[in-house]
Amino acid sequence: MATEAKIAKSKKIAKFTTRQVNRCWKCGRRHGYMRDFELCRICFRELANRGELPGITKSSW
């Protein structure tokens, strides 16, 4: 979990676009971020397994 200060800092408009940090909206994690869902991989998996993400199904073959 990211601290509140780091989450607030990442929400500010960066001076340069390369300094922009994408964070998970649920937990604030920075790494393993998925742009399509704005979630980190861990939160994505939790929500997908519970069926709370529309259009996402667990694959089986």
Protein backbone atom coordinates (compact mmCIF):
# COMPACT_ATOMS: atom_id res chain seq x y z
CA MET A 1 0.00 0.00 0.00
CA ALA A 2 1.24 3.42 -0.94
CA THR A 3 1.20 6.21 1.59
CA GLU A 4 -1.33 8.99 1.29
CA ALA A 5 1.44 11.45 0.47
CA LYS A 6 2.66 9.40 -2.49
CA ILE A 7 -0.88 8.98 -3.81
CA ALA A 8 -1.50 12.72 -3.52
CA LYS A 9 1.82 13.50 -5.22
CA SER A 10 1.01 11.23 -8.17
CA LYS A 11 -2.37 12.96 -8.67
CA LYS A 12 -0.70 16.35 -9.20
CA ILE A 13 0.06 17.45 -12.74
CA ALA A 14 3.72 16.68 -13.41
CA LYS A 15 6.09 19.31 -14.73
CA PHE A 16 7.14 16.88 -17.48
CA THR A 17 4.96 14.11 -18.92
CA THR A 18 7.64 11.47 -18.37
CA ARG A 19 7.34 12.00 -14.62
CA GLN A 20 3.70 10.94 -14.59
CA VAL A 21 3.05 7.96 -12.31
CA ASN A 22 0.13 5.62 -12.87
CA ARG A 23 -1.27 4.18 -9.67
CA CYS A 24 -4.01 1.69 -8.88
CA TRP A 25 -7.17 3.53 -7.82
CA LYS A 26 -7.93 0.92 -5.20
CA CYS A 27 -4.65 0.40 -3.34
CA GLY A 28 -2.21 2.94 -4.82
CA ARG A 29 0.26 0.34 -6.10
CA ARG A 30 2.56 1.60 -8.85
CA HIS A 31 4.01 -1.54 -10.42
CA GLY A 32 1.94 -4.09 -12.32
CA TYR A 33 -0.50 -1.39 -13.45
CA MET A 34 -3.06 -2.15 -16.19
CA ARG A 35 -4.12 0.96 -18.09
CA ASP A 36 -7.37 -0.50 -19.41
CA PHE A 37 -8.75 -1.02 -15.91
CA GLU A 38 -6.65 1.50 -13.92
CA LEU A 39 -5.87 -1.33 -11.48
CA CYS A 40 -2.77 -3.18 -10.38
CA ARG A 41 -2.50 -6.89 -11.14
CA ILE A 42 -3.37 -7.91 -7.59
CA CYS A 43 -6.57 -5.85 -7.34
CA PHE A 44 -7.51 -6.88 -10.89
CA ARG A 45 -7.31 -10.54 -9.94
CA GLU A 46 -9.31 -10.07 -6.75
CA LEU A 47 -12.12 -8.20 -8.52
CA ALA A 48 -12.14 -10.57 -11.50
CA ASN A 49 -12.40 -13.65 -9.30
CA ARG A 50 -15.34 -12.11 -7.44
CA GLY A 51 -16.99 -11.24 -10.77
CA GLU A 52 -17.04 -7.51 -10.12
CA LEU A 53 -15.39 -6.57 -13.44
CA PRO A 54 -17.90 -6.65 -16.28
CA GLY A 55 -16.81 -8.65 -19.32
CA ILE A 56 -13.99 -10.48 -17.58
CA THR A 57 -14.20 -14.25 -17.24
CA LYS A 58 -11.69 -16.74 -15.96
CA SER A 59 -10.28 -18.72 -18.84
CA SER A 60 -10.39 -22.51 -18.98
CA TRP A 61 -9.31 -24.85 -21.74
